[in-house]
Each structure stands twice: as structure tokens, then as C-alpha cells.
C-alpha atoms as a PDB file:
ATOM      1  CA  MET A   1       0.000   0.000   0.000  1.00  0.00           C
ATOM      2  CA  HIS A   2       1.273   3.456  -0.952  1.00  0.00           C
ATOM      3  CA  ILE A   3       0.383   6.341   1.375  1.00  0.00           C
ATOM      4  CA  LEU A   4       1.003   9.956   0.360  1.00  0.00           C
ATOM      5  CA  ILE A   5       1.380  12.285   3.358  1.00  0.00           C
ATOM      6  CA  THR A   6       1.614  16.083   3.208  1.00  0.00           C
ATOM      7  CA  GLY A   7       3.377  18.152   5.858  1.00  0.00           C
ATOM      8  CA  ALA A   8       5.588  15.151   6.595  1.00  0.00           C
ATOM      9  CA  ALA A   9       8.643  17.070   7.815  1.00  0.00           C
ATOM     10  CA  ASN A  10       7.187  17.809  11.252  1.00  0.00           C
ATOM     11  CA  GLY A  11       4.149  17.725  13.516  1.00  0.00           C
ATOM     12  CA  ILE A  12       1.264  15.356  12.836  1.00  0.00           C
ATOM     13  CA  GLY A  13       2.534  14.589   9.336  1.00  0.00           C
ATOM     14  CA  ALA A  14       5.900  13.450  10.681  1.00  0.00           C
ATOM     15  CA  ALA A  15       4.317  11.321  13.409  1.00  0.00           C
ATOM     16  CA  VAL A  16       2.069   9.578  10.885  1.00  0.00           C
ATOM     17  CA  THR A  17       5.009   9.075   8.509  1.00  0.00           C
ATOM     18  CA  ALA A  18       7.161   7.496  11.210  1.00  0.00           C
ATOM     19  CA  MET A  19       4.423   5.179  12.446  1.00  0.00           C
ATOM     20  CA  ALA A  20       3.321   4.180   8.942  1.00  0.00           C
ATOM     21  CA  ALA A  21       6.907   3.418   7.937  1.00  0.00           C
ATOM     22  CA  GLY A  22       7.285   1.282  11.053  1.00  0.00           C
ATOM     23  CA  LYS A  23       4.211  -0.691  10.003  1.00  0.00           C
ATOM     24  CA  GLY A  24       5.797  -1.423   6.630  1.00  0.00           C
ATOM     25  CA  TYR A  25       3.712   0.867   4.434  1.00  0.00           C
ATOM     26  CA  ARG A  26       5.381   2.519   1.458  1.00  0.00           C
ATOM     27  CA  ILE A  27       5.300   6.270   1.989  1.00  0.00           C
ATOM     28  CA  ILE A  28       5.487   9.266  -0.310  1.00  0.00           C
ATOM     29  CA  ALA A  29       6.461  11.945   2.211  1.00  0.00           C
ATOM     30  CA  THR A  30       5.912  15.495   0.956  1.00  0.00           C
ATOM     31  CA  ASP A  31       6.631  18.929   2.337  1.00  0.00           C
ATOM     32  CA  LEU A  32       7.526  22.409   1.168  1.00  0.00           C
ATOM     33  CA  ASP A  33      10.792  22.135   3.141  1.00  0.00           C
ATOM     34  CA  MET A  34      12.660  19.495   1.147  1.00  0.00           C
ATOM     35  CA  ASP A  35      15.843  19.865   3.219  1.00  0.00           C
ATOM     36  CA  ALA A  36      14.003  19.083   6.462  1.00  0.00           C
ATOM     37  CA  LEU A  37      12.156  16.249   4.759  1.00  0.00           C
ATOM     38  CA  GLN A  38      15.339  14.589   3.539  1.00  0.00           C
ATOM     39  CA  ARG A  39      17.183  15.063   6.820  1.00  0.00           C
ATOM     40  CA  ARG A  40      14.388  13.258   8.587  1.00  0.00           C
ATOM     41  CA  TRP A  41      13.497  10.451   6.189  1.00  0.00           C
ATOM     42  CA  GLN A  42      16.063   9.846   3.458  1.00  0.00           C
ATOM     43  CA  ALA A  43      17.714   6.974   5.364  1.00  0.00           C
ATOM     44  CA  LEU A  44      14.526   4.897   5.426  1.00  0.00           C
ATOM     45  CA  PRO A  45      14.133   2.707   2.328  1.00  0.00           C
ATOM     46  CA  ASN A  46      10.326   2.642   2.285  1.00  0.00           C
ATOM     47  CA  ILE A  47       9.975   6.460   2.304  1.00  0.00           C
ATOM     48  CA  ARG A  48      10.162   8.461  -0.919  1.00  0.00           C
ATOM     49  CA  CYS A  49      10.688  12.206  -0.291  1.00  0.00           C
ATOM     50  CA  GLN A  50       9.044  14.667  -2.681  1.00  0.00           C
ATOM     51  CA  ALA A  51       8.980  18.464  -2.535  1.00  0.00           C
ATOM     52  CA  LEU A  52       5.429  19.813  -2.677  1.00  0.00           C
ATOM     53  CA  ASP A  53       3.806  23.178  -2.090  1.00  0.00           C
ATOM     54  CA  VAL A  54       0.215  22.146  -1.397  1.00  0.00           C
ATOM     55  CA  ARG A  55      -0.961  25.598  -2.571  1.00  0.00           C
ATOM     56  CA  ASP A  56       0.189  24.800  -6.112  1.00  0.00           C
ATOM     57  CA  ALA A  57      -2.494  22.935  -8.077  1.00  0.00           C
ATOM     58  CA  GLN A  58      -0.113  22.210 -10.969  1.00  0.00           C
ATOM     59  CA  GLY A  59       2.449  20.913  -8.495  1.00  0.00           C
ATOM     60  CA  TRP A  60      -0.104  18.388  -7.273  1.00  0.00           C
ATOM     61  CA  THR A  61      -0.936  17.336 -10.845  1.00  0.00           C
ATOM     62  CA  ASP A  62       2.731  16.930 -11.716  1.00  0.00           C
ATOM     63  CA  LEU A  63       3.438  14.936  -8.544  1.00  0.00           C
ATOM     64  CA  VAL A  64       0.625  12.450  -9.141  1.00  0.00           C
ATOM     65  CA  ALA A  65       1.533  12.098 -12.837  1.00  0.00           C
ATOM     66  CA  GLY A  66       5.201  11.554 -11.981  1.00  0.00           C
ATOM     67  CA  LEU A  67       4.344   8.834  -9.479  1.00  0.00           C
ATOM     68  CA  GLU A  68       2.039   7.092 -11.922  1.00  0.00           C
ATOM     69  CA  HIS A  69       4.767   7.287 -14.583  1.00  0.00           C
ATOM     70  CA  VAL A  70       7.020   5.124 -12.400  1.00  0.00           C
ATOM     71  CA  GLY A  71       4.196   2.749 -11.502  1.00  0.00           C
ATOM     72  CA  ILE A  72       3.228   4.150  -8.094  1.00  0.00           C
ATOM     73  CA  GLU A  73      -0.504   4.277  -7.436  1.00  0.00           C
ATOM     74  CA  ILE A  74      -1.656   6.266  -4.413  1.00  0.00           C
ATOM     75  CA  ASP A  75      -3.862   4.098  -2.220  1.00  0.00           C
ATOM     76  CA  VAL A  76      -4.226   6.547   0.672  1.00  0.00           C
ATOM     77  CA  LEU A  77      -3.841  10.327   0.792  1.00  0.00           C
ATOM     78  CA  ILE A  78      -3.363  11.954   4.194  1.00  0.00           C
ATOM     79  CA  ASN A  79      -3.628  15.736   4.009  1.00  0.00           C
ATOM     80  CA  ALA A  80      -1.754  16.770   7.158  1.00  0.00           C
ATOM     81  CA  ALA A  81      -0.155  20.068   6.080  1.00  0.00           C
ATOM     82  CA  GLY A  82      -1.635  23.040   7.916  1.00  0.00           C
ATOM     83  CA  VAL A  83      -0.944  26.459   9.408  1.00  0.00           C
ATOM     84  CA  LEU A  84      -2.500  28.586  12.145  1.00  0.00           C
ATOM     85  CA  ARG A  85      -2.491  32.364  12.535  1.00  0.00           C
ATOM     86  CA  SER A  86      -4.434  33.867  15.436  1.00  0.00           C
ATOM     87  CA  GLY A  87      -6.161  37.237  15.393  1.00  0.00           C
ATOM     88  CA  GLN A  88      -9.315  39.115  16.303  1.00  0.00           C
ATOM     89  CA  THR A  89     -11.881  40.088  13.687  1.00  0.00           C
ATOM     90  CA  GLY A  90     -11.173  43.679  12.683  1.00  0.00           C
ATOM     91  CA  GLU A  91      -7.441  43.138  13.185  1.00  0.00           C
ATOM     92  CA  LEU A  92      -6.854  40.280  10.734  1.00  0.00           C
ATOM     93  CA  LYS A  93      -3.972  40.624   8.288  1.00  0.00           C
ATOM     94  CA  GLN A  94      -4.544  39.838   4.634  1.00  0.00           C
ATOM     95  CA  ALA A  95      -1.311  37.841   4.429  1.00  0.00           C
ATOM     96  CA  ASP A  96      -2.477  35.615   7.310  1.00  0.00           C
ATOM     97  CA  ILE A  97      -5.910  35.137   5.758  1.00  0.00           C
ATOM     98  CA  ASP A  98      -4.416  34.222   2.390  1.00  0.00           C
ATOM     99  CA  LEU A  99      -1.875  31.799   3.854  1.00  0.00           C
ATOM    100  CA  THR A 100      -4.442  30.042   6.048  1.00  0.00           C
ATOM    101  CA  MET A 101      -6.983  29.588   3.282  1.00  0.00           C
ATOM    102  CA  ASP A 102      -4.391  28.667   0.661  1.00  0.00           C
ATOM    103  CA  VAL A 103      -2.735  25.960   2.769  1.00  0.00           C
ATOM    104  CA  ASN A 104      -5.591  24.647   4.894  1.00  0.00           C
ATOM    105  CA  VAL A 105      -8.416  24.785   2.372  1.00  0.00           C
ATOM    106  CA  LYS A 106      -7.118  25.068  -1.188  1.00  0.00           C
ATOM    107  CA  GLY A 107      -4.217  22.739  -0.410  1.00  0.00           C
ATOM    108  CA  VAL A 108      -6.669  20.040   0.673  1.00  0.00           C
ATOM    109  CA  ILE A 109      -8.984  20.583  -2.304  1.00  0.00           C
ATOM    110  CA  PHE A 110      -6.105  20.576  -4.803  1.00  0.00           C
ATOM    111  CA  GLY A 111      -4.714  17.368  -3.297  1.00  0.00           C
ATOM    112  CA  VAL A 112      -7.999  15.504  -3.209  1.00  0.00           C
ATOM    113  CA  ASN A 113      -8.813  16.597  -6.745  1.00  0.00           C
ATOM    114  CA  ALA A 114      -5.416  15.454  -8.014  1.00  0.00           C
ATOM    115  CA  VAL A 115      -5.552  11.942  -6.556  1.00  0.00           C
ATOM    116  CA  ALA A 116      -9.286  11.345  -6.989  1.00  0.00           C
ATOM    117  CA  ALA A 117      -9.144  10.748 -10.746  1.00  0.00           C
ATOM    118  CA  GLY A 118      -6.831   7.748 -10.370  1.00  0.00           C
ATOM    119  CA  MET A 119      -8.732   6.411  -7.375  1.00  0.00           C
ATOM    120  CA  LYS A 120     -12.022   6.637  -9.281  1.00  0.00           C
ATOM    121  CA  ARG A 121     -10.488   4.869 -12.250  1.00  0.00           C
ATOM    122  CA  ARG A 122      -9.194   2.058 -10.018  1.00  0.00           C
ATOM    123  CA  ARG A 123     -12.420   2.128  -7.960  1.00  0.00           C
ATOM    124  CA  ARG A 124     -10.582   2.089  -4.652  1.00  0.00           C
ATOM    125  CA  GLY A 125      -8.788   4.467  -2.323  1.00  0.00           C
ATOM    126  CA  HIS A 126      -9.042   6.372   0.936  1.00  0.00           C
ATOM    127  CA  ILE A 127      -8.567  10.101   1.494  1.00  0.00           C
ATOM    128  CA  ILE A 128      -8.013  11.361   5.047  1.00  0.00           C
ATOM    129  CA  ASN A 129      -8.239  15.117   5.530  1.00  0.00           C
ATOM    130  CA  ILE A 130      -6.903  16.466   8.809  1.00  0.00           C
ATOM    131  CA  GLY A 131      -9.411  18.976  10.075  1.00  0.00           C
ATOM    132  CA  SER A 132      -9.527  19.874  13.735  1.00  0.00           C
ATOM    133  CA  ILE A 133     -11.872  19.966  16.677  1.00  0.00           C
ATOM    134  CA  ALA A 134     -12.110  23.565  15.394  1.00  0.00           C
ATOM    135  CA  SER A 135     -14.029  22.083  12.455  1.00  0.00           C
ATOM    136  CA  LEU A 136     -16.905  22.063  14.976  1.00  0.00           C
ATOM    137  CA  TYR A 137     -16.027  24.893  17.376  1.00  0.00           C
ATOM    138  CA  ALA A 138     -15.970  28.302  15.668  1.00  0.00           C
ATOM    139  CA  THR A 139     -13.302  29.624  18.011  1.00  0.00           C
ATOM    140  CA  PRO A 140     -13.064  33.398  18.498  1.00  0.00           C
ATOM    141  CA  GLY A 141      -9.444  34.532  18.449  1.00  0.00           C
ATOM    142  CA  THR A 142      -8.393  31.936  15.878  1.00  0.00           C
ATOM    143  CA  THR A 143     -11.200  33.001  13.573  1.00  0.00           C
ATOM    144  CA  THR A 144      -9.598  32.384  10.199  1.00  0.00           C
ATOM    145  CA  TYR A 145      -8.246  29.015  11.289  1.00  0.00           C
ATOM    146  CA  ALA A 146     -11.732  27.964  12.432  1.00  0.00           C
ATOM    147  CA  ALA A 147     -13.171  29.120   9.107  1.00  0.00           C
ATOM    148  CA  SER A 148     -10.580  27.056   7.235  1.00  0.00           C
ATOM    149  CA  LYS A 149     -11.264  23.915   9.242  1.00  0.00           C
ATOM    150  CA  PHE A 150     -15.032  24.313   8.890  1.00  0.00           C
ATOM    151  CA  ALA A 151     -14.391  24.488   5.141  1.00  0.00           C
ATOM    152  CA  VAL A 152     -12.279  21.313   5.226  1.00  0.00           C
ATOM    153  CA  ARG A 153     -15.115  19.502   6.982  1.00  0.00           C
ATOM    154  CA  GLY A 154     -17.690  20.722   4.459  1.00  0.00           C
ATOM    155  CA  PHE A 155     -15.507  19.820   1.502  1.00  0.00           C
ATOM    156  CA  SER A 156     -14.694  16.392   2.925  1.00  0.00           C
ATOM    157  CA  ILE A 157     -18.347  15.479   3.429  1.00  0.00           C
ATOM    158  CA  ALA A 158     -19.275  16.697  -0.063  1.00  0.00           C
ATOM    159  CA  ALA A 159     -16.306  14.917  -1.651  1.00  0.00           C
ATOM    160  CA  ALA A 160     -17.274  11.725   0.169  1.00  0.00           C
ATOM    161  CA  GLY A 161     -20.636  11.925  -1.557  1.00  0.00           C
ATOM    162  CA  ASP A 162     -18.971  12.410  -4.935  1.00  0.00           C
ATOM    163  CA  LEU A 163     -16.507   9.550  -4.519  1.00  0.00           C
ATOM    164  CA  ARG A 164     -18.477   6.937  -2.590  1.00  0.00           C
ATOM    165  CA  PRO A 165     -20.081   5.462  -5.753  1.00  0.00           C
ATOM    166  CA  PHE A 166     -16.568   4.706  -7.012  1.00  0.00           C
ATOM    167  CA  GLY A 167     -15.475   2.812  -3.895  1.00  0.00           C
ATOM    168  CA  VAL A 168     -13.354   5.718  -2.624  1.00  0.00           C
ATOM    169  CA  ALA A 169     -13.754   6.775   1.021  1.00  0.00           C
ATOM    170  CA  VAL A 170     -13.159  10.252   2.421  1.00  0.00           C
ATOM    171  CA  THR A 171     -12.625  10.781   6.155  1.00  0.00           C
ATOM    172  CA  LEU A 172     -12.562  14.076   8.038  1.00  0.00           C
ATOM    173  CA  PHE A 173     -10.252  13.516  11.017  1.00  0.00           C
ATOM    174  CA  GLY A 174     -10.597  16.172  13.717  1.00  0.00           C
ATOM    175  CA  PRO A 175      -8.124  16.064  16.600  1.00  0.00           C
ATOM    176  CA  GLY A 176      -8.161  18.345  19.606  1.00  0.00           C
ATOM    177  CA  PRO A 177      -5.007  20.338  20.378  1.00  0.00           C
ATOM    178  CA  VAL A 178      -1.869  18.315  19.675  1.00  0.00           C
ATOM    179  CA  LYS A 179       1.576  18.702  21.229  1.00  0.00           C
ATOM    180  CA  THR A 180       3.395  20.026  18.182  1.00  0.00           C
ATOM    181  CA  ALA A 181       5.181  23.215  17.164  1.00  0.00           C
ATOM    182  CA  MET A 182       1.786  24.633  16.156  1.00  0.00           C
ATOM    183  CA  LEU A 183       0.581  24.321  19.756  1.00  0.00           C
ATOM    184  CA  GLU A 184       3.766  25.909  21.077  1.00  0.00           C
ATOM    185  CA  GLN A 185       3.245  28.794  18.662  1.00  0.00           C
ATOM    186  CA  GLN A 186      -0.043  29.533  20.463  1.00  0.00           C
ATOM    187  CA  ARG A 187       1.221  29.250  24.053  1.00  0.00           C
ATOM    188  CA  GLY A 188       0.953  32.602  25.809  1.00  0.00           C
ATOM    189  CA  ASP A 189      -1.135  34.123  22.993  1.00  0.00           C
ATOM    190  CA  ALA A 190      -4.364  35.391  24.563  1.00  0.00           C
ATOM    191  CA  ASP A 191      -6.135  35.180  21.199  1.00  0.00           C
ATOM    192  CA  ALA A 192      -5.439  31.429  21.164  1.00  0.00           C
ATOM    193  CA  ALA A 193      -6.480  30.743  24.770  1.00  0.00           C
ATOM    194  CA  LEU A 194      -9.470  28.616  23.712  1.00  0.00           C
ATOM    195  CA  THR A 195      -7.033  26.079  22.273  1.00  0.00           C
ATOM    196  CA  PHE A 196      -5.901  25.360  25.843  1.00  0.00           C
ATOM    197  CA  SER A 197      -9.351  25.188  27.438  1.00  0.00           C
ATOM    198  CA  GLY A 198      -9.765  21.397  27.447  1.00  0.00           C
ATOM    199  CA  ALA A 199      -8.495  18.771  29.864  1.00  0.00           C
ATOM    200  CA  ARG A 200      -5.233  18.117  27.992  1.00  0.00           C
ATOM    201  CA  ALA A 201      -3.440  18.121  24.672  1.00  0.00           C
ATOM    202  CA  LEU A 202      -3.002  14.972  22.620  1.00  0.00           C
ATOM    203  CA  SER A 203       0.397  13.612  21.660  1.00  0.00           C
ATOM    204  CA  ALA A 204       1.203  13.381  17.956  1.00  0.00           C
ATOM    205  CA  ASP A 205       1.623   9.620  18.423  1.00  0.00           C
ATOM    206  CA  GLU A 206      -1.955   9.329  19.723  1.00  0.00           C
ATOM    207  CA  VAL A 207      -3.154  11.065  16.592  1.00  0.00           C
ATOM    208  CA  ALA A 208      -1.031   8.871  14.320  1.00  0.00           C
ATOM    209  CA  ALA A 209      -2.272   5.710  16.056  1.00  0.00           C
ATOM    210  CA  ALA A 210      -5.899   6.740  15.501  1.00  0.00           C
ATOM    211  CA  ILE A 211      -5.313   7.571  11.836  1.00  0.00           C
ATOM    212  CA  LEU A 212      -3.429   4.347  11.085  1.00  0.00           C
ATOM    213  CA  GLY A 213      -5.729   2.278  13.307  1.00  0.00           C
ATOM    214  CA  PRO A 214      -9.507   2.764  13.381  1.00  0.00           C
ATOM    215  CA  VAL A 215      -9.606   5.460  10.686  1.00  0.00           C
ATOM    216  CA  LEU A 216      -7.647   3.471   8.108  1.00  0.00           C
ATOM    217  CA  ARG A 217      -9.414   0.252   9.037  1.00  0.00           C
ATOM    218  CA  LYS A 218     -13.043   1.448   9.309  1.00  0.00           C
ATOM    219  CA  ARG A 219     -12.951   4.369   6.836  1.00  0.00           C
ATOM    220  CA  PRO A 220     -15.494   6.492   8.747  1.00  0.00           C
ATOM    221  CA  LEU A 221     -16.923   9.691   7.318  1.00  0.00           C
ATOM    222  CA  GLU A 222     -15.801  11.595  10.425  1.00  0.00           C
ATOM    223  CA  TYR A 223     -13.568  10.781  13.370  1.00  0.00           C
ATOM    224  CA  PHE A 224     -12.984  13.209  16.223  1.00  0.00           C
ATOM    225  CA  LEU A 225     -10.410  12.724  18.958  1.00  0.00           C
ATOM    226  CA  PRO A 226     -11.169  12.780  21.853  1.00  0.00           C
ATOM    227  CA  ALA A 227     -14.611  11.407  20.958  1.00  0.00           C
ATOM    228  CA  ARG A 228     -16.251  13.326  23.816  1.00  0.00           C
ATOM    229  CA  GLU A 229     -15.003  16.613  22.375  1.00  0.00           C
ATOM    230  CA  GLY A 230     -16.476  15.671  19.014  1.00  0.00           C
ATOM    231  CA  LEU A 231     -19.889  15.045  20.540  1.00  0.00           C
ATOM    232  CA  LEU A 232     -19.758  18.284  22.522  1.00  0.00           C
ATOM    233  CA  GLY A 233     -18.581  20.127  19.413  1.00  0.00           C
ATOM    234  CA  LYS A 234     -21.558  18.910  17.404  1.00  0.00           C
ATOM    235  CA  LEU A 235     -23.845  20.116  20.199  1.00  0.00           C
ATOM    236  CA  CYS A 236     -22.167  23.535  20.114  1.00  0.00           C
ATOM    237  CA  ASN A 237     -22.481  23.480  16.339  1.00  0.00           C
ATOM    238  CA  ALA A 238     -26.218  22.922  16.632  1.00  0.00           C
ATOM    239  CA  PHE A 239     -26.582  25.644  19.283  1.00  0.00           C
ATOM    240  CA  PRO A 240     -24.009  28.355  18.478  1.00  0.00           C
ATOM    241  CA  GLY A 241     -25.588  30.835  20.867  1.00  0.00           C
ATOM    242  CA  PHE A 242     -25.005  28.421  23.740  1.00  0.00           C
ATOM    243  CA  PHE A 243     -21.411  27.927  22.601  1.00  0.00           C
ATOM    244  CA  LEU A 244     -20.700  31.664  22.561  1.00  0.00           C
ATOM    245  CA  SER A 245     -22.246  32.028  26.028  1.00  0.00           C
ATOM    246  CA  GLN A 246     -19.532  29.696  27.370  1.00  0.00           C
ATOM    247  CA  VAL A 247     -16.564  31.292  25.603  1.00  0.00           C
ATOM    248  CA  ASP A 248     -15.494  33.660  28.394  1.00  0.00           C
ATOM    249  CA  LYS A 249     -15.300  30.830  30.942  1.00  0.00           C
ATOM    250  CA  ALA A 250     -13.432  28.620  28.485  1.00  0.00           C
ATOM    251  CA  ARG A 251     -10.995  31.411  27.634  1.00  0.00           C
ATOM    252  CA  ALA A 252     -10.210  31.983  31.328  1.00  0.00           C
ATOM    253  CA  ARG A 253      -9.564  28.264  31.722  1.00  0.00           C
ATOM    254  CA  GLY A 254      -7.304  28.310  28.681  1.00  0.00           C
ATOM    255  CA  LEU A 255      -5.248  31.207  30.033  1.00  0.00           C
ATOM    256  CA  ARG A 256      -4.638  29.217  33.217  1.00  0.00           C
ATOM    257  CA  ASN A 257      -3.668  26.149  31.181  1.00  0.00           C
ATOM    258  CA  PHE A 258      -0.841  27.884  29.303  1.00  0.00           C
ATOM    259  CA  THR A 259       1.515  26.501  31.962  1.00  0.00           C
ATOM    260  CA  ALA A 260      -0.340  23.261  32.728  1.00  0.00           C
ATOM    261  CA  ASP A 261       1.610  19.996  32.526  1.00  0.00           C
ATOM    262  CA  ALA A 262      -1.202  18.483  30.436  1.00  0.00           C
ATOM    263  CA  TYR A 263      -0.220  20.875  27.616  1.00  0.00           C
ATOM    264  CA  ARG A 264       3.556  20.615  27.996  1.00  0.00           C
ATOM    265  CA  PRO A 265       5.339  18.878  25.111  1.00  0.00           C
ATOM    266  CA  ARG A 266       8.383  16.659  25.150  1.00  0.00           C
ATOM    267  CA  ASP A 267      11.315  18.035  23.163  1.00  0.00           C
ATOM    268  CA  GLU A 268      10.639  15.637  20.294  1.00  0.00           C
ATOM    269  CA  ASP A 269       6.990  16.750  20.019  1.00  0.00           C
ATOM    270  CA  CYS A 270       8.008  20.033  18.452  1.00  0.00           C
ATOM    271  CA  GLN A 271      10.532  18.717  15.953  1.00  0.00           C
END
């Protein structure tokens, strides 16, 4: 089985790449930072490193065509590349808006569109789009990020409907906060306090184990981790007024959790 993973140089993408390689899968590891990608993975024989800017639709087309030219068919696509820029409405920067939407939304759509043609032709395949628990919680303070992850959820569900008749599954995977460099970027940022409002942060290995375990095996339409947060998020989604009434309490809890052990990473979590 060939698995193509974006954002594989660090964070969730790197954790999934490492675990998948350990399980014997053949990996196409992609990232914009080719130097970091090669430093991390070039010694492993079952990992093929490929430079990819997920914002570049033609780059996606060329990558898939190049793989098919050498006989590599993509069985699973895991869209893990993502960025986060915090900011209050009225103070948002155009560059941050563009980057967030280009990477988190257009990057996912371009990738799914590029691999879907071959999967439809072969009548098999699985696409896993990494959303977030923010795909359900429209979090003030990380407004553009929430908008991007809501969009990933909507696209994933619609794409699942398009591709299901061809035997191709699409899963929206929504983790809570994960101990990666992205989480560390938010620590101490009052705009991002809601990220820290839960009981704890997940490890990247927990996320990778869920993706390569129940998600890959069962091919669900949606999978949220922790499951309780997913259920609560859907309730907040159904009753947004109730959700907003709880934001101040959650933000205060998040500010206190900036220094909590449950959100502290190990050194390797942020590599």
C-alpha cells in the first residue's frame, strides 16, 4: 500500500510518517521544506521524499503524474499540512488570511482533486483530511483558522458523496489540540487561549495511532479525537448561541492552562 502524506517534515505529518513506515507501508512523504524532509526520512528505504507546495495545483498534478509514470498508485492520501495564525476580527492581516486559506483549504482541495481521478479509475482508495476539533467549534481569536477547518469539513463530506459510488472513502479527522510546534506557537497568545481550554493536549503519536488504526481500518466519514469533544462540538455546532455564552469561561480556563503539565510537550513533540 502506498500512502502519500503532506506536511511530513514535522508535527502530525511526521508522526504519521514514522508510524506508517514502522508498520511497513510505502510512503510518499511530501513537504515544502525538502531539506528538512530529507534530513528526517532519506535513510529509510520505504519512504520516498518529494517536494510539494500544497498551494500549487499544478504541483499536485505533476506529482501524481510523476508517481504514476514510475508505476506508483496512491492508495491513501493523508492531508496533514496546515498552518494557524491567530487574530481578532477587525485586526486580521490579509497575508495571514491568504496563507491560512491557501494551505488549509485550497491545499486540501487541490490534493484531493489530483488523486481522486486515479482512485475513481481504479475504484478504490481512501482520502483522510486532517481537520480539527475547530471544524466544529468556531473559536473566536483563531477566527480564520476555524473558518478554514469548517471548510475542510464541508468539503470532505461533499467529496465523500462524490466519490463513494466509485469505492473511494473520504474521512474528516478532527483532533483536539496536539503537542506540536503549532501548539507551542499559540502558548501565551491570549487570542489562542481557547485552544488550551480542554483537559489536555493529545500527543502526535496518539493522533497517528488513531489515523493508522480505526480510521484506516473502518474508513469512517468523520472521526474526532477525543470522541467526547467531538460530541460536545456537534452540540455547540447545533446551538451556536449556547457555545458563545460559554466562551469567556473557556478562555479563562485556557489562560490558566498555558503553563499546565497536560499541555507541555516533550522536546521531540516540536521537531
